[in-house]
Amino acid sequence: MKVIVPMAGRGSRLRPHTLTVPKPLVPVGGKPIVHRLVEDIAEICGEKLEEIAFVIGDFGKEVEEELLSVARSLGAKGSIHHQLEPLGTAHAVLCAKEKLDGPVVVAFADTLFKADFKIDPNDDGILWVKQIEDPSAFGVIKLDEQGAIIDYVEKPKEFVSDLAMIGIYYFKDGARLRKELEYLIDHDVIKGGEYQLPDALRRMTESGYQFKPGKVMEWLDCGNKEVTVYTNQRVLDYDQEKGRLVPPNDLISKNSIIIPPVYIGEKVTIENSIIGPHVSIGAGSTIKNSTIVNTNIQMKSSIVYTHLKGAMIGSNTQIQGSPMDVSLGDYSEIKL
């Protein structure tokens, strides 16, 4: 099974955290978003991932190497492909066209999910969907009486369905998808200056290709600070249930209380503090005389005499002061 992960956007709604790294590499629960996404896909595939193709912008060699290391950590070959113009979701997938052969999963790297089903290799295709209260801001699917997908509607003004597409797709025949994507480009089937993946899906459906909905239990967004903090909370809950949250051997903890679930990276120092629940602390960070709840802290940050709740803190950040709800990017400094 191959996986294509389009992730060329910088994630402007999550700034300042995406000023130094692309959004899919922002950690939640101590692990980059894209790493967790591919792990989730591997779990529902029920088979080994052969290759992970990352479609990125001009992010630099350091980011490319980190992505390749994510693939290696999952026992897969990694490859890098570039989308240098924002020409839409269909164009992004086609940037990795040489990987569109045989079974393939396409997963846009701005969402996480939890599902309790396995991919049936006999199905033509599967679209992951989540039932939501207000579908007007999302692309939704329409089903026939047998439960097969018959149409795709982008941001419907009138109710047609409450099953929103979450941006993850399985195709039994990757070459067929490539053919339809190339058709959009060759015939300039474009909307708002972009080539859209649902247009290719519609052409496949109209020609007899049968997509089924793959319903997910939970859909976790990482679009802005508030929802990313909530996603950090939920992945910590999942990791706690699976026994993954084990403090590192080099943790220095003095006169402190740690209330699970909490993720703690390597070489962390905690003194005279109360940590948790739902806190992630990146490697090399120091926390003293503070209370921290429901907060995502990245690497090598220092927090002293502070109360944080619902906060998101970047790497190499220093905070010394009074209670606050903040969203600080890398290399910030606050003293009160």
C-alpha atoms as a PDB file:
ATOM      1  CA  MET A   1       0.000   0.000   0.000  1.00  0.00           C
ATOM      2  CA  LYS A   2       1.247   3.469  -0.937  1.00  0.00           C
ATOM      3  CA  VAL A   3       0.235   6.669   0.846  1.00  0.00           C
ATOM      4  CA  ILE A   4       0.311  10.147  -0.699  1.00  0.00           C
ATOM      5  CA  VAL A   5       0.297  13.027   1.782  1.00  0.00           C
ATOM      6  CA  PRO A   6      -0.308  16.470   0.213  1.00  0.00           C
ATOM      7  CA  MET A   7       0.936  19.123   2.655  1.00  0.00           C
ATOM      8  CA  ALA A   8       2.191  22.064   0.587  1.00  0.00           C
ATOM      9  CA  GLY A   9       0.318  24.747   2.549  1.00  0.00           C
ATOM     10  CA  ARG A  10       2.107  26.539   5.406  1.00  0.00           C
ATOM     11  CA  GLY A  11      -0.931  26.633   7.725  1.00  0.00           C
ATOM     12  CA  SER A  12      -1.532  30.354   8.092  1.00  0.00           C
ATOM     13  CA  ARG A  13      -4.376  29.908  10.616  1.00  0.00           C
ATOM     14  CA  LEU A  14      -1.951  28.266  13.042  1.00  0.00           C
ATOM     15  CA  ARG A  15       0.562  31.108  13.027  1.00  0.00           C
ATOM     16  CA  PRO A  16       2.883  31.926  14.750  1.00  0.00           C
ATOM     17  CA  HIS A  17       3.580  28.190  15.195  1.00  0.00           C
ATOM     18  CA  THR A  18       3.882  27.628  11.455  1.00  0.00           C
ATOM     19  CA  LEU A  19       6.309  30.482  10.807  1.00  0.00           C
ATOM     20  CA  THR A  20       9.280  28.198  11.416  1.00  0.00           C
ATOM     21  CA  VAL A  21       7.846  24.760  10.552  1.00  0.00           C
ATOM     22  CA  PRO A  22       4.984  23.615   8.273  1.00  0.00           C
ATOM     23  CA  LYS A  23       1.796  22.715  10.128  1.00  0.00           C
ATOM     24  CA  PRO A  24       2.035  18.920   9.606  1.00  0.00           C
ATOM     25  CA  LEU A  25       5.318  18.927  11.570  1.00  0.00           C
ATOM     26  CA  VAL A  26       3.854  20.750  14.583  1.00  0.00           C
ATOM     27  CA  PRO A  27       3.804  18.181  17.414  1.00  0.00           C
ATOM     28  CA  VAL A  28       0.693  17.097  19.309  1.00  0.00           C
ATOM     29  CA  GLY A  29       1.196  14.706  22.172  1.00  0.00           C
ATOM     30  CA  GLY A  30       4.930  14.898  21.471  1.00  0.00           C
ATOM     31  CA  LYS A  31       4.691  13.662  17.886  1.00  0.00           C
ATOM     32  CA  PRO A  32       4.308  15.580  14.578  1.00  0.00           C
ATOM     33  CA  ILE A  33       0.771  15.724  13.193  1.00  0.00           C
ATOM     34  CA  VAL A  34       1.789  13.990   9.946  1.00  0.00           C
ATOM     35  CA  HIS A  35       3.492  11.163  11.865  1.00  0.00           C
ATOM     36  CA  ARG A  36       0.293  10.465  13.794  1.00  0.00           C
ATOM     37  CA  LEU A  37      -1.779  10.671  10.612  1.00  0.00           C
ATOM     38  CA  VAL A  38       0.287   8.041   8.811  1.00  0.00           C
ATOM     39  CA  GLU A  39       0.230   5.800  11.911  1.00  0.00           C
ATOM     40  CA  ASP A  40      -3.574   5.973  11.917  1.00  0.00           C
ATOM     41  CA  ILE A  41      -3.668   5.049   8.233  1.00  0.00           C
ATOM     42  CA  ALA A  42      -1.332   2.103   8.782  1.00  0.00           C
ATOM     43  CA  GLU A  43      -3.675   0.819  11.476  1.00  0.00           C
ATOM     44  CA  ILE A  44      -6.778   0.799   9.257  1.00  0.00           C
ATOM     45  CA  CYS A  45      -4.920  -0.546   6.218  1.00  0.00           C
ATOM     46  CA  GLY A  46      -4.182  -3.782   8.005  1.00  0.00           C
ATOM     47  CA  GLU A  47      -1.058  -4.235   5.898  1.00  0.00           C
ATOM     48  CA  LYS A  48       2.467  -2.862   5.659  1.00  0.00           C
ATOM     49  CA  LEU A  49       2.941   0.548   4.111  1.00  0.00           C
ATOM     50  CA  GLU A  50       5.367   0.266   1.202  1.00  0.00           C
ATOM     51  CA  GLU A  51       5.927   3.936   0.476  1.00  0.00           C
ATOM     52  CA  ILE A  52       4.877   7.359   1.760  1.00  0.00           C
ATOM     53  CA  ALA A  53       5.020  10.210  -0.763  1.00  0.00           C
ATOM     54  CA  PHE A  54       5.002  13.706   0.751  1.00  0.00           C
ATOM     55  CA  VAL A  55       3.853  16.579  -1.494  1.00  0.00           C
ATOM     56  CA  ILE A  56       5.311  19.774  -0.070  1.00  0.00           C
ATOM     57  CA  GLY A  57       6.148  23.360  -0.922  1.00  0.00           C
ATOM     58  CA  ASP A  58       9.613  24.854  -0.757  1.00  0.00           C
ATOM     59  CA  PHE A  59      10.185  23.883   2.880  1.00  0.00           C
ATOM     60  CA  GLY A  60      13.935  23.256   2.735  1.00  0.00           C
ATOM     61  CA  LYS A  61      16.174  20.218   3.085  1.00  0.00           C
ATOM     62  CA  GLU A  62      15.825  19.978   6.867  1.00  0.00           C
ATOM     63  CA  VAL A  63      12.051  19.531   6.628  1.00  0.00           C
ATOM     64  CA  GLU A  64      12.437  17.044   3.787  1.00  0.00           C
ATOM     65  CA  GLU A  65      14.837  14.928   5.822  1.00  0.00           C
ATOM     66  CA  GLU A  66      12.481  14.959   8.810  1.00  0.00           C
ATOM     67  CA  LEU A  67       9.645  13.709   6.617  1.00  0.00           C
ATOM     68  CA  LEU A  68      11.804  10.933   5.190  1.00  0.00           C
ATOM     69  CA  SER A  69      12.683   9.917   8.752  1.00  0.00           C
ATOM     70  CA  VAL A  70       8.953   9.688   9.560  1.00  0.00           C
ATOM     71  CA  ALA A  71       8.565   7.199   6.696  1.00  0.00           C
ATOM     72  CA  ARG A  72      11.594   5.196   7.842  1.00  0.00           C
ATOM     73  CA  SER A  73      10.258   5.010  11.400  1.00  0.00           C
ATOM     74  CA  LEU A  74       7.165   3.264  10.010  1.00  0.00           C
ATOM     75  CA  GLY A  75       9.199   0.822   7.922  1.00  0.00           C
ATOM     76  CA  ALA A  76       8.305   2.527   4.630  1.00  0.00           C
ATOM     77  CA  LYS A  77      10.236   4.183   1.843  1.00  0.00           C
ATOM     78  CA  GLY A  78       9.794   7.944   1.755  1.00  0.00           C
ATOM     79  CA  SER A  79       9.767  10.251  -1.267  1.00  0.00           C
ATOM     80  CA  ILE A  80       9.491  14.020  -1.661  1.00  0.00           C
ATOM     81  CA  HIS A  81       7.462  15.793  -4.359  1.00  0.00           C
ATOM     82  CA  HIS A  82       6.899  19.516  -4.785  1.00  0.00           C
ATOM     83  CA  GLN A  83       3.828  21.637  -5.411  1.00  0.00           C
ATOM     84  CA  LEU A  84       5.234  25.126  -5.891  1.00  0.00           C
ATOM     85  CA  GLU A  85       1.935  26.800  -6.905  1.00  0.00           C
ATOM     86  CA  PRO A  86      -1.369  26.597  -4.952  1.00  0.00           C
ATOM     87  CA  LEU A  87      -3.340  25.001  -7.776  1.00  0.00           C
ATOM     88  CA  GLY A  88      -5.720  22.885  -5.701  1.00  0.00           C
ATOM     89  CA  THR A  89      -6.130  19.432  -4.222  1.00  0.00           C
ATOM     90  CA  ALA A  90      -6.252  17.533  -7.525  1.00  0.00           C
ATOM     91  CA  HIS A  91      -3.056  19.212  -8.702  1.00  0.00           C
ATOM     92  CA  ALA A  92      -1.375  18.432  -5.361  1.00  0.00           C
ATOM     93  CA  VAL A  93      -2.086  14.705  -5.650  1.00  0.00           C
ATOM     94  CA  LEU A  94      -0.921  14.654  -9.271  1.00  0.00           C
ATOM     95  CA  CYS A  95       2.431  16.113  -8.198  1.00  0.00           C
ATOM     96  CA  ALA A  96       3.186  12.551  -7.022  1.00  0.00           C
ATOM     97  CA  LYS A  97       1.751  10.979 -10.182  1.00  0.00           C
ATOM     98  CA  GLU A  98       4.473   8.330 -10.470  1.00  0.00           C
ATOM     99  CA  LYS A  99       3.144   6.867  -7.203  1.00  0.00           C
ATOM    100  CA  LEU A 100      -0.409   6.558  -8.538  1.00  0.00           C
ATOM    101  CA  ASP A 101      -0.255   2.872  -9.379  1.00  0.00           C
ATOM    102  CA  GLY A 102      -2.030   0.051  -7.576  1.00  0.00           C
ATOM    103  CA  PRO A 103      -3.753   0.546  -4.190  1.00  0.00           C
ATOM    104  CA  VAL A 104      -3.137   3.993  -2.732  1.00  0.00           C
ATOM    105  CA  VAL A 105      -4.381   6.132   0.151  1.00  0.00           C
ATOM    106  CA  VAL A 106      -4.475   9.913  -0.248  1.00  0.00           C
ATOM    107  CA  ALA A 107      -4.448  11.757   3.083  1.00  0.00           C
ATOM    108  CA  PHE A 108      -4.293  15.531   3.449  1.00  0.00           C
ATOM    109  CA  ALA A 109      -2.089  16.340   6.432  1.00  0.00           C
ATOM    110  CA  ASP A 110      -4.256  18.783   8.351  1.00  0.00           C
ATOM    111  CA  THR A 111      -6.481  16.365  10.213  1.00  0.00           C
ATOM    112  CA  LEU A 112      -6.342  13.335  12.510  1.00  0.00           C
ATOM    113  CA  PHE A 113      -9.010  10.693  12.942  1.00  0.00           C
ATOM    114  CA  LYS A 114     -10.045   7.575  14.830  1.00  0.00           C
ATOM    115  CA  ALA A 115     -11.835   4.706  13.100  1.00  0.00           C
ATOM    116  CA  ASP A 116     -12.656   1.098  13.979  1.00  0.00           C
ATOM    117  CA  PHE A 117     -12.741  -0.552  10.529  1.00  0.00           C
ATOM    118  CA  LYS A 118     -10.228  -2.050   8.115  1.00  0.00           C
ATOM    119  CA  ILE A 119      -9.921  -1.331   4.410  1.00  0.00           C
ATOM    120  CA  ASP A 120     -11.536  -4.049   2.282  1.00  0.00           C
ATOM    121  CA  PRO A 121      -9.129  -4.593  -0.655  1.00  0.00           C
ATOM    122  CA  ASN A 122     -12.101  -5.640  -2.801  1.00  0.00           C
ATOM    123  CA  ASP A 123     -13.702  -2.179  -2.597  1.00  0.00           C
ATOM    124  CA  ASP A 124     -13.140   0.212  -5.502  1.00  0.00           C
ATOM    125  CA  GLY A 125     -12.635   3.082  -3.113  1.00  0.00           C
ATOM    126  CA  ILE A 126     -13.404   4.499   0.321  1.00  0.00           C
ATOM    127  CA  LEU A 127     -13.936   8.103   1.388  1.00  0.00           C
ATOM    128  CA  TRP A 128     -13.560   8.816   5.088  1.00  0.00           C
ATOM    129  CA  VAL A 129     -16.469  10.897   6.380  1.00  0.00           C
ATOM    130  CA  LYS A 130     -17.740  12.257   9.689  1.00  0.00           C
ATOM    131  CA  GLN A 131     -21.330  13.085  10.558  1.00  0.00           C
ATOM    132  CA  ILE A 132     -21.461  16.719  11.649  1.00  0.00           C
ATOM    133  CA  GLU A 133     -24.105  19.167  12.840  1.00  0.00           C
ATOM    134  CA  ASP A 134     -23.382  21.985  10.368  1.00  0.00           C
ATOM    135  CA  PRO A 135     -22.186  20.706   6.974  1.00  0.00           C
ATOM    136  CA  SER A 136     -22.395  24.088   5.222  1.00  0.00           C
ATOM    137  CA  ALA A 137     -18.667  24.777   5.653  1.00  0.00           C
ATOM    138  CA  PHE A 138     -17.494  21.407   4.313  1.00  0.00           C
ATOM    139  CA  GLY A 139     -17.578  19.185   1.266  1.00  0.00           C
ATOM    140  CA  VAL A 140     -20.180  16.446   1.778  1.00  0.00           C
ATOM    141  CA  ILE A 141     -21.217  13.232   0.049  1.00  0.00           C
ATOM    142  CA  LYS A 142     -24.627  12.037  -1.113  1.00  0.00           C
ATOM    143  CA  LEU A 143     -25.556   8.360  -0.784  1.00  0.00           C
ATOM    144  CA  ASP A 144     -28.008   6.142  -2.639  1.00  0.00           C
ATOM    145  CA  GLU A 145     -30.385   3.730  -0.901  1.00  0.00           C
ATOM    146  CA  GLN A 146     -27.704   1.018  -0.892  1.00  0.00           C
ATOM    147  CA  GLY A 147     -25.213   3.281   0.902  1.00  0.00           C
ATOM    148  CA  ALA A 148     -22.948   3.922  -2.107  1.00  0.00           C
ATOM    149  CA  ILE A 149     -21.689   7.424  -2.841  1.00  0.00           C
ATOM    150  CA  ILE A 150     -23.395   9.072  -5.808  1.00  0.00           C
ATOM    151  CA  ASP A 151     -22.336  12.736  -5.602  1.00  0.00           C
ATOM    152  CA  TYR A 152     -20.067  15.292  -3.941  1.00  0.00           C
ATOM    153  CA  VAL A 153     -21.232  18.767  -2.910  1.00  0.00           C
ATOM    154  CA  GLU A 154     -18.861  21.509  -1.772  1.00  0.00           C
ATOM    155  CA  LYS A 155     -20.169  23.729   1.069  1.00  0.00           C
ATOM    156  CA  PRO A 156     -23.897  23.159   0.412  1.00  0.00           C
ATOM    157  CA  LYS A 157     -26.124  26.172   1.071  1.00  0.00           C
ATOM    158  CA  GLU A 158     -29.134  23.862   1.411  1.00  0.00           C
ATOM    159  CA  PHE A 159     -29.034  20.546   3.295  1.00  0.00           C
ATOM    160  CA  VAL A 160     -28.086  17.587   1.122  1.00  0.00           C
ATOM    161  CA  SER A 161     -26.083  15.508   3.606  1.00  0.00           C
ATOM    162  CA  ASP A 162     -24.407  15.719   7.009  1.00  0.00           C
ATOM    163  CA  LEU A 163     -21.504  13.419   6.071  1.00  0.00           C
ATOM    164  CA  ALA A 164     -18.445  15.625   5.628  1.00  0.00           C
ATOM    165  CA  MET A 165     -15.341  14.464   3.750  1.00  0.00           C
ATOM    166  CA  ILE A 166     -12.356  14.684   6.102  1.00  0.00           C
ATOM    167  CA  GLY A 167      -9.661  14.550   3.412  1.00  0.00           C
ATOM    168  CA  ILE A 168      -8.665  10.864   3.445  1.00  0.00           C
ATOM    169  CA  TYR A 169      -9.346   8.558   0.488  1.00  0.00           C
ATOM    170  CA  TYR A 170      -8.580   4.976  -0.574  1.00  0.00           C
ATOM    171  CA  PHE A 171      -8.315   3.980  -4.247  1.00  0.00           C
ATOM    172  CA  LYS A 172      -7.969   0.373  -5.331  1.00  0.00           C
ATOM    173  CA  ASP A 173      -6.707   1.538  -8.728  1.00  0.00           C
ATOM    174  CA  GLY A 174      -4.284   4.436  -8.384  1.00  0.00           C
ATOM    175  CA  ALA A 175      -3.679   4.524 -12.145  1.00  0.00           C
ATOM    176  CA  ARG A 176      -7.377   5.226 -12.721  1.00  0.00           C
ATOM    177  CA  LEU A 177      -7.211   8.177 -10.336  1.00  0.00           C
ATOM    178  CA  ARG A 178      -4.157   9.485 -12.174  1.00  0.00           C
ATOM    179  CA  LYS A 179      -6.041   9.326 -15.482  1.00  0.00           C
ATOM    180  CA  GLU A 180      -8.908  11.405 -14.092  1.00  0.00           C
ATOM    181  CA  LEU A 181      -6.586  13.954 -12.484  1.00  0.00           C
ATOM    182  CA  GLU A 182      -4.738  14.371 -15.780  1.00  0.00           C
ATOM    183  CA  TYR A 183      -8.090  14.870 -17.519  1.00  0.00           C
ATOM    184  CA  LEU A 184      -8.859  17.829 -15.227  1.00  0.00           C
ATOM    185  CA  ILE A 185      -5.527  19.455 -16.004  1.00  0.00           C
ATOM    186  CA  ASP A 186      -5.595  18.725 -19.753  1.00  0.00           C
ATOM    187  CA  HIS A 187      -9.175  20.038 -20.143  1.00  0.00           C
ATOM    188  CA  ASP A 188      -8.747  22.923 -17.706  1.00  0.00           C
ATOM    189  CA  VAL A 189     -11.551  21.797 -15.388  1.00  0.00           C
ATOM    190  CA  ILE A 190     -10.843  24.490 -12.825  1.00  0.00           C
ATOM    191  CA  LYS A 191     -12.829  26.304 -10.123  1.00  0.00           C
ATOM    192  CA  GLY A 192     -11.640  29.424  -8.359  1.00  0.00           C
ATOM    193  CA  GLY A 193      -8.223  29.021  -9.908  1.00  0.00           C
ATOM    194  CA  GLU A 194      -7.784  25.484  -8.533  1.00  0.00           C
ATOM    195  CA  TYR A 195      -8.155  21.903  -9.738  1.00  0.00           C
ATOM    196  CA  GLN A 196     -10.363  20.085  -7.231  1.00  0.00           C
ATOM    197  CA  LEU A 197     -10.146  16.405  -6.280  1.00  0.00           C
ATOM    198  CA  PRO A 198     -13.957  15.972  -5.945  1.00  0.00           C
ATOM    199  CA  ASP A 199     -14.287  16.708  -9.681  1.00  0.00           C
ATOM    200  CA  ALA A 200     -12.119  13.658 -10.391  1.00  0.00           C
ATOM    201  CA  LEU A 201     -14.110  11.617  -7.879  1.00  0.00           C
ATOM    202  CA  ARG A 202     -17.349  12.594  -9.601  1.00  0.00           C
ATOM    203  CA  ARG A 203     -16.062  11.515 -13.008  1.00  0.00           C
ATOM    204  CA  MET A 204     -14.979   8.167 -11.562  1.00  0.00           C
ATOM    205  CA  THR A 205     -18.373   7.665  -9.894  1.00  0.00           C
ATOM    206  CA  GLU A 206     -20.308   8.539 -13.049  1.00  0.00           C
ATOM    207  CA  SER A 207     -18.315   5.936 -14.999  1.00  0.00           C
ATOM    208  CA  GLY A 208     -19.178   3.151 -12.525  1.00  0.00           C
ATOM    209  CA  TYR A 209     -16.356   3.341  -9.975  1.00  0.00           C
ATOM    210  CA  GLN A 210     -18.041   2.665  -6.608  1.00  0.00           C
ATOM    211  CA  PHE A 211     -16.923   4.558  -3.529  1.00  0.00           C
ATOM    212  CA  LYS A 212     -18.112   3.602  -0.055  1.00  0.00           C
ATOM    213  CA  PRO A 213     -18.152   5.871   2.995  1.00  0.00           C
ATOM    214  CA  GLY A 214     -15.702   5.011   5.755  1.00  0.00           C
ATOM    215  CA  LYS A 215     -17.218   6.523   8.875  1.00  0.00           C
ATOM    216  CA  VAL A 216     -14.885   7.701  11.603  1.00  0.00           C
ATOM    217  CA  MET A 217     -15.555   7.908  15.324  1.00  0.00           C
ATOM    218  CA  GLU A 218     -13.662  11.138  15.818  1.00  0.00           C
ATOM    219  CA  TRP A 219     -12.277  13.831  13.536  1.00  0.00           C
ATOM    220  CA  LEU A 220      -9.594  16.033  15.051  1.00  0.00           C
ATOM    221  CA  ASP A 221      -8.656  19.320  13.449  1.00  0.00           C
ATOM    222  CA  CYS A 222      -5.348  21.181  13.766  1.00  0.00           C
ATOM    223  CA  GLY A 223      -6.383  24.341  11.966  1.00  0.00           C
ATOM    224  CA  ASN A 224      -5.867  26.925  14.710  1.00  0.00           C
ATOM    225  CA  LYS A 225      -4.538  27.211  18.246  1.00  0.00           C
ATOM    226  CA  GLU A 226      -7.770  26.328  20.080  1.00  0.00           C
ATOM    227  CA  VAL A 227      -8.580  23.167  18.122  1.00  0.00           C
ATOM    228  CA  THR A 228      -4.928  22.054  18.145  1.00  0.00           C
ATOM    229  CA  VAL A 229      -4.850  22.283  21.941  1.00  0.00           C
ATOM    230  CA  TYR A 230      -8.025  20.156  22.009  1.00  0.00           C
ATOM    231  CA  THR A 231      -6.456  17.664  19.586  1.00  0.00           C
ATOM    232  CA  ASN A 232      -3.422  17.464  21.873  1.00  0.00           C
ATOM    233  CA  GLN A 233      -5.813  16.628  24.713  1.00  0.00           C
ATOM    234  CA  ARG A 234      -7.543  13.854  22.779  1.00  0.00           C
ATOM    235  CA  VAL A 235      -4.368  12.179  21.486  1.00  0.00           C
ATOM    236  CA  LEU A 236      -3.004  12.147  25.036  1.00  0.00           C
ATOM    237  CA  ASP A 237      -6.195  10.370  26.121  1.00  0.00           C
ATOM    238  CA  TYR A 238      -5.705   7.755  23.368  1.00  0.00           C
ATOM    239  CA  ASP A 239      -2.016   7.293  24.173  1.00  0.00           C
ATOM    240  CA  GLN A 240      -2.838   6.896  27.867  1.00  0.00           C
ATOM    241  CA  GLU A 241      -5.379   4.169  27.064  1.00  0.00           C
ATOM    242  CA  LYS A 242      -2.744   2.299  25.041  1.00  0.00           C
ATOM    243  CA  GLY A 243      -0.045   2.630  27.682  1.00  0.00           C
ATOM    244  CA  ARG A 244       2.243   4.786  25.546  1.00  0.00           C
ATOM    245  CA  LEU A 245       2.858   7.637  27.998  1.00  0.00           C
ATOM    246  CA  VAL A 246       5.928   6.492  29.894  1.00  0.00           C
ATOM    247  CA  PRO A 247       8.164   9.222  31.425  1.00  0.00           C
ATOM    248  CA  PRO A 248      11.749   9.131  30.094  1.00  0.00           C
ATOM    249  CA  ASN A 249      14.520   7.801  32.333  1.00  0.00           C
ATOM    250  CA  ASP A 250      16.312  11.143  32.317  1.00  0.00           C
ATOM    251  CA  LEU A 251      13.346  13.154  33.659  1.00  0.00           C
ATOM    252  CA  ILE A 252      14.332  15.398  36.569  1.00  0.00           C
ATOM    253  CA  SER A 253      11.282  15.954  38.772  1.00  0.00           C
ATOM    254  CA  LYS A 254      11.622  17.669  42.161  1.00  0.00           C
ATOM    255  CA  ASN A 255       8.787  18.455  44.565  1.00  0.00           C
ATOM    256  CA  SER A 256       6.253  18.271  41.733  1.00  0.00           C
ATOM    257  CA  ILE A 257       2.932  16.594  40.970  1.00  0.00           C
ATOM    258  CA  ILE A 258       2.212  15.110  37.531  1.00  0.00           C
ATOM    259  CA  ILE A 259      -1.458  14.397  36.784  1.00  0.00           C
ATOM    260  CA  PRO A 260      -1.932  12.109  33.748  1.00  0.00           C
ATOM    261  CA  PRO A 261      -2.305  12.022  30.867  1.00  0.00           C
ATOM    262  CA  VAL A 262       0.952  13.882  30.269  1.00  0.00           C
ATOM    263  CA  TYR A 263       3.620  13.492  27.589  1.00  0.00           C
ATOM    264  CA  ILE A 264       7.179  14.341  28.656  1.00  0.00           C
ATOM    265  CA  GLY A 265      10.095  14.406  26.224  1.00  0.00           C
ATOM    266  CA  GLU A 266      13.727  13.650  26.978  1.00  0.00           C
ATOM    267  CA  LYS A 267      15.924  15.852  29.193  1.00  0.00           C
ATOM    268  CA  VAL A 268      13.032  17.695  30.831  1.00  0.00           C
ATOM    269  CA  THR A 269      13.318  19.324  34.256  1.00  0.00           C
ATOM    270  CA  ILE A 270      10.260  19.974  36.449  1.00  0.00           C
ATOM    271  CA  GLU A 271      10.595  21.638  39.848  1.00  0.00           C
ATOM    272  CA  ASN A 272       8.001  22.834  42.387  1.00  0.00           C
ATOM    273  CA  SER A 273       5.214  22.531  39.839  1.00  0.00           C
ATOM    274  CA  ILE A 274       1.874  20.875  39.116  1.00  0.00           C
ATOM    275  CA  ILE A 275       1.653  19.444  35.609  1.00  0.00           C
ATOM    276  CA  GLY A 276      -1.506  18.082  34.007  1.00  0.00           C
ATOM    277  CA  PRO A 277      -3.833  16.778  33.017  1.00  0.00           C
ATOM    278  CA  HIS A 278      -3.475  16.951  29.233  1.00  0.00           C
ATOM    279  CA  VAL A 279      -0.027  18.537  28.986  1.00  0.00           C
ATOM    280  CA  SER A 280       2.687  17.818  26.417  1.00  0.00           C
ATOM    281  CA  ILE A 281       6.233  18.936  27.228  1.00  0.00           C
ATOM    282  CA  GLY A 282       8.828  18.855  24.466  1.00  0.00           C
ATOM    283  CA  ALA A 283      12.396  17.607  24.915  1.00  0.00           C
ATOM    284  CA  GLY A 284      14.859  19.847  26.701  1.00  0.00           C
ATOM    285  CA  SER A 285      12.242  22.030  28.388  1.00  0.00           C
ATOM    286  CA  THR A 286      12.370  23.361  31.946  1.00  0.00           C
ATOM    287  CA  ILE A 287       9.376  24.145  34.161  1.00  0.00           C
ATOM    288  CA  LYS A 288       9.731  25.672  37.625  1.00  0.00           C
ATOM    289  CA  ASN A 289       7.256  27.023  40.188  1.00  0.00           C
ATOM    290  CA  SER A 290       4.361  26.752  37.738  1.00  0.00           C
ATOM    291  CA  THR A 291       0.977  25.150  37.230  1.00  0.00           C
ATOM    292  CA  ILE A 292       0.248  23.902  33.739  1.00  0.00           C
ATOM    293  CA  VAL A 293      -3.034  22.376  32.520  1.00  0.00           C
ATOM    294  CA  ASN A 294      -4.263  21.387  29.013  1.00  0.00           C
ATOM    295  CA  THR A 295      -1.250  22.885  27.242  1.00  0.00           C
ATOM    296  CA  ASN A 296       1.042  21.906  24.359  1.00  0.00           C
ATOM    297  CA  ILE A 297       4.685  22.943  24.899  1.00  0.00           C
ATOM    298  CA  GLN A 298       7.332  22.297  22.253  1.00  0.00           C
ATOM    299  CA  MET A 299      11.074  21.790  22.605  1.00  0.00           C
ATOM    300  CA  LYS A 300      13.659  23.643  24.720  1.00  0.00           C
ATOM    301  CA  SER A 301      11.255  26.067  26.359  1.00  0.00           C
ATOM    302  CA  SER A 302      11.553  27.569  29.839  1.00  0.00           C
ATOM    303  CA  ILE A 303       8.496  28.343  31.959  1.00  0.00           C
ATOM    304  CA  VAL A 304       8.937  29.882  35.417  1.00  0.00           C
ATOM    305  CA  TYR A 305       6.403  31.300  37.918  1.00  0.00           C
ATOM    306  CA  THR A 306       3.532  30.916  35.485  1.00  0.00           C
ATOM    307  CA  HIS A 307       0.060  29.388  35.332  1.00  0.00           C
ATOM    308  CA  LEU A 308      -0.869  28.093  31.872  1.00  0.00           C
ATOM    309  CA  LYS A 309      -4.232  26.643  30.830  1.00  0.00           C
ATOM    310  CA  GLY A 310      -5.300  25.990  27.244  1.00  0.00           C
ATOM    311  CA  ALA A 311      -2.020  27.385  25.917  1.00  0.00           C
ATOM    312  CA  MET A 312       0.217  26.490  22.993  1.00  0.00           C
ATOM    313  CA  ILE A 313       3.920  27.270  23.343  1.00  0.00           C
ATOM    314  CA  GLY A 314       6.557  27.006  20.591  1.00  0.00           C
ATOM    315  CA  SER A 315      10.171  25.862  20.829  1.00  0.00           C
ATOM    316  CA  ASN A 316      12.968  27.879  22.487  1.00  0.00           C
ATOM    317  CA  THR A 317      10.404  30.064  24.265  1.00  0.00           C
ATOM    318  CA  GLN A 318      10.879  31.708  27.667  1.00  0.00           C
ATOM    319  CA  ILE A 319       8.006  32.706  29.955  1.00  0.00           C
ATOM    320  CA  GLN A 320       8.369  34.185  33.402  1.00  0.00           C
ATOM    321  CA  GLY A 321       5.338  35.856  34.909  1.00  0.00           C
ATOM    322  CA  SER A 322       1.683  35.536  35.793  1.00  0.00           C
ATOM    323  CA  PRO A 323      -1.323  33.407  34.675  1.00  0.00           C
ATOM    324  CA  MET A 324      -2.116  33.525  30.974  1.00  0.00           C
ATOM    325  CA  ASP A 325      -3.776  31.851  27.997  1.00  0.00           C
ATOM    326  CA  VAL A 326      -1.316  32.373  25.171  1.00  0.00           C
ATOM    327  CA  SER A 327      -0.212  31.153  21.768  1.00  0.00           C
ATOM    328  CA  LEU A 328       3.516  31.811  21.411  1.00  0.00           C
ATOM    329  CA  GLY A 329       5.647  30.822  18.456  1.00  0.00           C
ATOM    330  CA  ASP A 330       9.282  29.759  18.487  1.00  0.00           C
ATOM    331  CA  TYR A 331      11.948  31.958  20.118  1.00  0.00           C
ATOM    332  CA  SER A 332       9.450  34.143  22.010  1.00  0.00           C
ATOM    333  CA  GLU A 333      10.141  35.657  25.414  1.00  0.00           C
ATOM    334  CA  ILE A 334       7.759  37.007  28.076  1.00  0.00           C
ATOM    335  CA  LYS A 335       8.776  38.445  31.456  1.00  0.00           C
ATOM    336  CA  LEU A 336       6.236  40.050  33.794  1.00  0.00           C
END
